Amino acid sequence: MVRFRQPRDLISIYGLVDDDVPGIVRALSDIGEPYSIYGISSHIYLVAREGLARDLRPPAAPRAVVGTSEGFLTRHRETVSAFLRCPAYSRYGAYEVGGGVAQTCPDNPGVHHVVSELVIAEVVDDDLRPVAPGEPGRVLLTDLTNFAMPLIRYDIGDVAVAAAGCRCGRPWPVLGEITGRFSDRIVTDDGASHPALELEVALFYYHTDLAKDILQYQFVQRGPGDLEILYVPRSEPDPRTAEAIRQALLEPLRGKARITVTPVSRIEGQDSGKRRLVVQGEAAPRSES
């Protein structure tokens, strides 16, 4: 049985940098027929941000865009929709439970409908108790299709926001925003643990003037309170921009971390093409500078 069919129009995202965007837009322009886009969320977002900045876009809008493999936050999807002039959806999946887990509601983009015929999804606290709607927690998955070795309340390592229901009226269970990996956390000098999402919000919601100069970024935690931010600047690195980024991140960390901001030419992805938001450990590899 063939489970997945290789797409006819495949654009490689390995080693993707901003200068590749014009070629990607040309490739999309050459399709010339109704099409959809499916791919790794961060790469779709990078193409959309750079395409908007350069005033580049394919002449024909796709029917829809689906981002997967990484968190595809609402603000990312809004940028992609503005670039491609079509709806953008997030697909949450996990190979451990056979693939699809949930996907953005087409009528309510803040909610993901769970594929309840395949999996049970729960959002719980550290004591494995359900969290209240609107609260973030660990995702537990129970596989309903693996009869040889079922996974029951499996901690997949992801963080999502609990939700009570969806105004669209569809009967399926729901998850809120899928915010990332539980390991995507920053530990400060006092031992407190902060979701990396707090730092992203500081940069992209409260300091939008800085965000426009950042093409890619990654947090490297080399020890408690020892944090390095790697970022790819849109133009020539400016020490004033690096210092402004450092100051912007001190507030959500309550000033309890030593922050180094390092401009680099690119941030390497994993073999799968994903880029980790947070790299942990003293021996964390440095990206190419």
Protein backbone atom coordinates (compact mmCIF):
# COMPACT_ATOMS: atom_id res chain seq x y z
CA MET A 1 0.00 0.00 0.00
CA VAL A 2 1.30 3.47 -0.88
CA ARG A 3 0.49 5.72 2.05
CA PHE A 4 1.86 9.02 0.76
CA ARG A 5 2.13 10.12 -2.84
CA GLN A 6 5.15 12.21 -3.78
CA PRO A 7 3.91 15.65 -4.86
CA ARG A 8 4.54 16.56 -8.47
CA ASP A 9 5.76 20.07 -7.63
CA LEU A 10 8.29 19.68 -4.83
CA ILE A 11 10.37 22.66 -3.69
CA SER A 12 13.29 21.77 -1.43
CA ILE A 13 13.55 23.71 1.84
CA TYR A 14 16.91 22.33 2.95
CA GLY A 15 19.34 25.18 3.55
CA LEU A 16 16.64 27.74 2.73
CA VAL A 17 17.79 31.38 3.00
CA ASP A 18 16.08 34.65 2.15
CA ASP A 19 17.86 34.95 -1.21
CA ASP A 20 16.09 31.77 -2.35
CA VAL A 21 12.69 33.47 -2.12
CA PRO A 22 12.59 35.03 -5.63
CA GLY A 23 13.28 31.61 -7.16
CA ILE A 24 10.54 30.02 -5.04
CA VAL A 25 8.05 32.69 -6.13
CA ARG A 26 9.00 32.04 -9.77
CA ALA A 27 8.48 28.30 -9.25
CA LEU A 28 5.02 28.93 -7.79
CA SER A 29 4.22 31.28 -10.68
CA ASP A 30 5.06 28.54 -13.19
CA ILE A 31 2.52 26.08 -11.78
CA GLY A 32 -0.26 27.81 -13.71
CA GLU A 33 -3.20 25.84 -12.34
CA PRO A 34 -5.16 25.54 -9.08
CA TYR A 35 -2.77 24.35 -6.38
CA SER A 36 -2.25 24.16 -2.63
CA ILE A 37 0.90 24.48 -0.53
CA TYR A 38 1.89 22.00 2.20
CA GLY A 39 5.18 22.17 4.05
CA ILE A 40 7.20 22.94 7.16
CA SER A 41 5.69 25.93 8.93
CA SER A 42 8.80 28.02 9.59
CA HIS A 43 9.94 27.80 5.97
CA ILE A 44 6.55 28.84 4.62
CA TYR A 45 6.60 31.76 7.05
CA LEU A 46 10.13 32.78 6.00
CA VAL A 47 9.11 32.83 2.33
CA ALA A 48 6.01 34.86 3.16
CA ARG A 49 7.86 37.45 5.27
CA GLU A 50 10.59 37.95 2.71
CA GLY A 51 8.13 37.93 -0.18
CA LEU A 52 6.11 40.71 1.43
CA ALA A 53 9.27 42.69 2.22
CA ARG A 54 10.41 42.45 -1.42
CA ASP A 55 6.92 42.95 -2.84
CA LEU A 56 7.10 39.55 -4.53
CA ARG A 57 4.18 37.18 -4.84
CA PRO A 58 2.95 34.57 -7.32
CA PRO A 59 0.27 35.88 -9.71
CA ALA A 60 -2.19 33.08 -8.89
CA ALA A 61 -3.16 32.48 -5.27
CA PRO A 62 -3.21 28.87 -4.05
CA ARG A 63 -6.43 27.44 -2.71
CA ALA A 64 -4.93 27.04 0.75
CA VAL A 65 -1.66 26.73 2.65
CA VAL A 66 -1.08 24.09 5.33
CA GLY A 67 1.91 24.35 7.66
CA THR A 68 3.08 21.31 9.62
CA SER A 69 6.02 19.76 11.55
CA GLU A 70 6.44 22.88 13.71
CA GLY A 71 4.23 25.36 15.53
CA PHE A 72 2.30 27.55 13.09
CA LEU A 73 1.10 30.36 15.31
CA THR A 74 -1.80 32.63 14.41
CA ARG A 75 0.48 35.59 13.69
CA HIS A 76 2.54 33.40 11.31
CA ARG A 77 -0.57 32.26 9.47
CA GLU A 78 -1.78 35.86 9.14
CA THR A 79 1.51 36.80 7.43
CA VAL A 80 1.27 33.81 5.08
CA SER A 81 -2.34 34.63 4.21
CA ALA A 82 -1.41 38.24 3.45
CA PHE A 83 1.41 37.07 1.18
CA LEU A 84 -0.46 34.36 -0.74
CA ARG A 85 -3.99 35.84 -0.52
CA CYS A 86 -5.55 32.59 0.67
CA PRO A 87 -6.40 30.79 3.92
CA ALA A 88 -3.50 29.36 5.95
CA TYR A 89 -4.02 26.40 8.26
CA SER A 90 -1.98 24.53 10.85
CA ARG A 91 -1.83 20.75 10.78
CA TYR A 92 -0.70 19.14 14.03
CA GLY A 93 0.63 15.62 13.57
CA ALA A 94 2.82 13.00 15.23
CA TYR A 95 4.30 9.93 13.59
CA GLU A 96 4.14 8.11 16.93
CA VAL A 97 0.36 7.94 16.62
CA GLY A 98 0.12 7.48 12.88
CA GLY A 99 0.22 11.04 11.58
CA GLY A 100 -2.68 13.46 11.85
CA VAL A 101 -3.80 14.68 15.27
CA ALA A 102 -5.60 17.99 14.67
CA GLN A 103 -6.02 20.79 12.14
CA THR A 104 -7.09 24.43 12.23
CA CYS A 105 -10.83 25.02 12.08
CA PRO A 106 -11.61 26.77 8.76
CA ASP A 107 -14.11 29.05 10.53
CA ASN A 108 -12.26 29.68 13.79
CA PRO A 109 -8.48 29.93 13.28
CA GLY A 110 -7.69 29.94 17.01
CA VAL A 111 -8.90 26.34 17.41
CA HIS A 112 -7.67 22.96 16.13
CA HIS A 113 -10.18 20.14 15.64
CA VAL A 114 -8.87 16.79 16.86
CA VAL A 115 -9.21 13.78 14.53
CA SER A 116 -11.10 11.87 17.20
CA GLU A 117 -11.48 8.73 15.07
CA LEU A 118 -7.68 8.30 15.27
CA VAL A 119 -6.52 9.80 18.55
CA ILE A 120 -7.57 11.16 21.94
CA ALA A 121 -5.78 14.40 22.86
CA GLU A 122 -5.57 15.83 26.38
CA VAL A 123 -3.94 18.99 27.76
CA VAL A 124 -2.70 18.48 31.33
CA ASP A 125 -0.51 20.06 34.00
CA ASP A 126 2.65 18.56 35.48
CA ASP A 127 0.51 16.34 37.73
CA LEU A 128 -1.35 14.99 34.66
CA ARG A 129 -4.58 16.77 35.60
CA PRO A 130 -6.62 18.55 32.89
CA VAL A 131 -5.96 22.28 32.70
CA ALA A 132 -8.73 24.85 32.37
CA PRO A 133 -9.71 26.19 28.93
CA GLY A 134 -7.35 28.95 27.93
CA GLU A 135 -4.46 27.52 29.96
CA PRO A 136 -1.36 25.91 28.42
CA GLY A 137 -0.27 22.40 29.31
CA ARG A 138 1.42 19.22 28.15
CA VAL A 139 -0.21 17.26 25.34
CA LEU A 140 -1.03 13.61 26.03
CA LEU A 141 -2.06 11.42 23.10
CA THR A 142 -3.81 8.06 23.06
CA ASP A 143 -3.58 6.17 19.76
CA LEU A 144 -6.81 4.47 18.66
CA THR A 145 -5.48 2.65 15.59
CA ASN A 146 -2.32 0.82 16.71
CA PHE A 147 -3.58 -2.54 17.93
CA ALA A 148 -0.12 -4.11 18.13
CA MET A 149 1.44 -1.57 20.51
CA PRO A 150 -1.01 1.19 21.47
CA LEU A 151 0.24 4.36 23.15
CA ILE A 152 -1.97 5.40 26.05
CA ARG A 153 -1.74 8.96 27.43
CA TYR A 154 1.63 9.32 25.73
CA ASP A 155 3.47 12.54 26.60
CA ILE A 156 4.48 13.69 23.13
CA GLY A 157 6.58 16.57 24.48
CA ASP A 158 4.40 19.33 23.00
CA VAL A 159 2.61 22.24 24.65
CA ALA A 160 -0.88 23.38 23.66
CA VAL A 161 -3.59 25.61 25.04
CA ALA A 162 -6.72 23.84 26.27
CA ALA A 163 -10.04 24.79 24.66
CA ALA A 164 -13.63 24.03 25.63
CA GLY A 165 -15.26 23.96 22.21
CA CYS A 166 -15.58 25.70 18.88
CA ARG A 167 -18.21 28.21 17.82
CA CYS A 168 -18.35 26.58 14.36
CA GLY A 169 -20.64 23.87 15.74
CA ARG A 170 -18.57 20.91 14.54
CA PRO A 171 -18.78 18.11 17.12
CA TRP A 172 -15.10 17.15 17.29
CA PRO A 173 -12.89 17.77 20.35
CA VAL A 174 -10.62 20.80 20.12
CA LEU A 175 -7.20 22.10 21.05
CA GLY A 176 -6.23 25.76 21.16
CA GLU A 177 -2.94 27.14 19.91
CA ILE A 178 -0.13 24.57 19.56
CA THR A 179 2.69 26.62 21.06
CA GLY A 180 5.71 24.34 20.62
CA ARG A 181 7.82 21.78 22.41
CA PHE A 182 7.87 21.46 26.20
CA SER A 183 11.69 21.48 25.93
CA ASP A 184 11.48 24.94 24.32
CA ARG A 185 11.95 26.59 27.70
CA ILE A 186 14.52 29.01 29.06
CA VAL A 187 15.89 28.57 32.60
CA THR A 188 17.04 31.71 34.41
CA ASP A 189 19.54 32.22 37.23
CA ASP A 190 16.91 31.64 39.92
CA GLY A 191 15.88 28.28 38.43
CA ALA A 192 12.60 29.58 37.00
CA SER A 193 11.52 28.09 33.68
CA HIS A 194 10.06 30.36 30.99
CA PRO A 195 8.43 29.20 27.74
CA ALA A 196 10.37 30.44 24.74
CA LEU A 197 7.01 31.69 23.46
CA GLU A 198 7.26 34.52 26.03
CA LEU A 199 10.44 35.72 24.34
CA GLU A 200 8.86 35.45 20.89
CA VAL A 201 5.91 37.55 22.06
CA ALA A 202 8.30 40.16 23.45
CA LEU A 203 10.06 40.45 20.10
CA PHE A 204 7.20 40.11 17.63
CA TYR A 205 4.28 41.72 19.45
CA TYR A 206 5.82 44.40 21.67
CA HIS A 207 8.87 45.28 19.54
CA THR A 208 7.65 45.02 15.97
CA ASP A 209 10.29 47.55 14.92
CA LEU A 210 12.93 44.93 15.77
CA ALA A 211 11.05 42.00 14.27
CA LYS A 212 11.22 43.44 10.77
CA ASP A 213 15.03 43.18 10.89
CA ILE A 214 15.05 39.48 11.95
CA LEU A 215 14.75 36.82 9.24
CA GLN A 216 15.46 33.76 11.42
CA TYR A 217 16.34 33.23 15.06
CA GLN A 218 17.20 30.53 17.58
CA PHE A 219 17.71 30.49 21.35
CA VAL A 220 20.74 28.63 22.67
CA GLN A 221 20.66 27.81 26.41
CA ARG A 222 24.21 26.97 27.47
CA GLY A 223 23.36 26.80 31.17
CA PRO A 224 20.93 28.31 33.71
CA GLY A 225 20.80 32.03 33.07
CA ASP A 226 23.28 31.75 30.17
CA LEU A 227 21.39 32.47 26.97
CA GLU A 228 22.54 33.24 23.45
CA ILE A 229 20.22 34.43 20.70
CA LEU A 230 21.32 33.70 17.17
CA TYR A 231 19.59 35.77 14.52
CA VAL A 232 19.85 36.30 10.78
CA PRO A 233 19.60 40.04 10.04
CA ARG A 234 17.76 41.29 6.99
CA SER A 235 20.67 43.59 6.10
CA GLU A 236 24.14 44.26 7.47
CA PRO A 237 24.43 43.47 11.22
CA ASP A 238 24.03 46.54 13.40
CA PRO A 239 25.34 46.47 17.00
CA ARG A 240 22.50 48.79 17.99
CA THR A 241 19.94 46.24 16.78
CA ALA A 242 21.68 43.45 18.70
CA GLU A 243 21.62 45.54 21.89
CA ALA A 244 17.96 46.43 21.38
CA ILE A 245 17.12 42.72 21.03
CA ARG A 246 19.04 41.97 24.23
CA GLN A 247 17.17 44.67 26.15
CA ALA A 248 13.80 43.53 24.79
CA LEU A 249 14.41 39.99 26.10
CA LEU A 250 15.61 41.02 29.55
CA GLU A 251 12.09 42.06 30.57
CA PRO A 252 10.29 38.71 30.10
CA LEU A 253 13.24 36.98 31.83
CA ARG A 254 12.99 39.46 34.76
CA GLY A 255 16.61 40.46 34.22
CA LYS A 256 17.75 37.11 35.61
CA ALA A 257 19.80 35.95 32.61
CA ARG A 258 22.99 36.92 30.83
CA ILE A 259 21.99 37.41 27.23
CA THR A 260 24.31 37.41 24.23
CA VAL A 261 22.93 38.38 20.82
CA THR A 262 24.87 37.04 17.84
CA PRO A 263 24.14 37.85 14.18
CA VAL A 264 24.78 34.89 11.86
CA SER A 265 24.43 34.32 8.13
CA ARG A 266 22.16 31.29 8.52
CA ILE A 267 20.70 28.91 11.09
CA GLU A 268 21.07 25.26 10.24
CA GLY A 269 18.08 22.95 10.42
CA GLN A 270 17.96 19.34 11.51
CA ASP A 271 18.17 16.47 9.03
CA SER A 272 14.36 16.58 8.80
CA GLY A 273 14.48 20.22 7.68
CA LYS A 274 13.01 21.50 10.95
CA ARG A 275 14.73 24.25 12.88
CA ARG A 276 14.75 23.88 16.65
CA LEU A 277 13.57 26.99 18.48
CA VAL A 278 15.67 26.24 21.56
CA VAL A 279 18.95 24.31 21.64
CA GLN A 280 19.98 23.13 25.10
CA GLY A 281 23.39 22.33 26.54
CA GLU A 282 26.91 23.63 26.97
CA ALA A 283 27.98 21.77 23.84
CA ALA A 284 25.17 23.13 21.66
CA PRO A 285 26.59 23.65 18.18
CA ARG A 286 26.96 27.21 16.96
CA SER A 287 25.41 28.11 13.64
CA GLU A 288 27.49 29.39 10.78
CA SER A 289 28.50 33.01 11.25
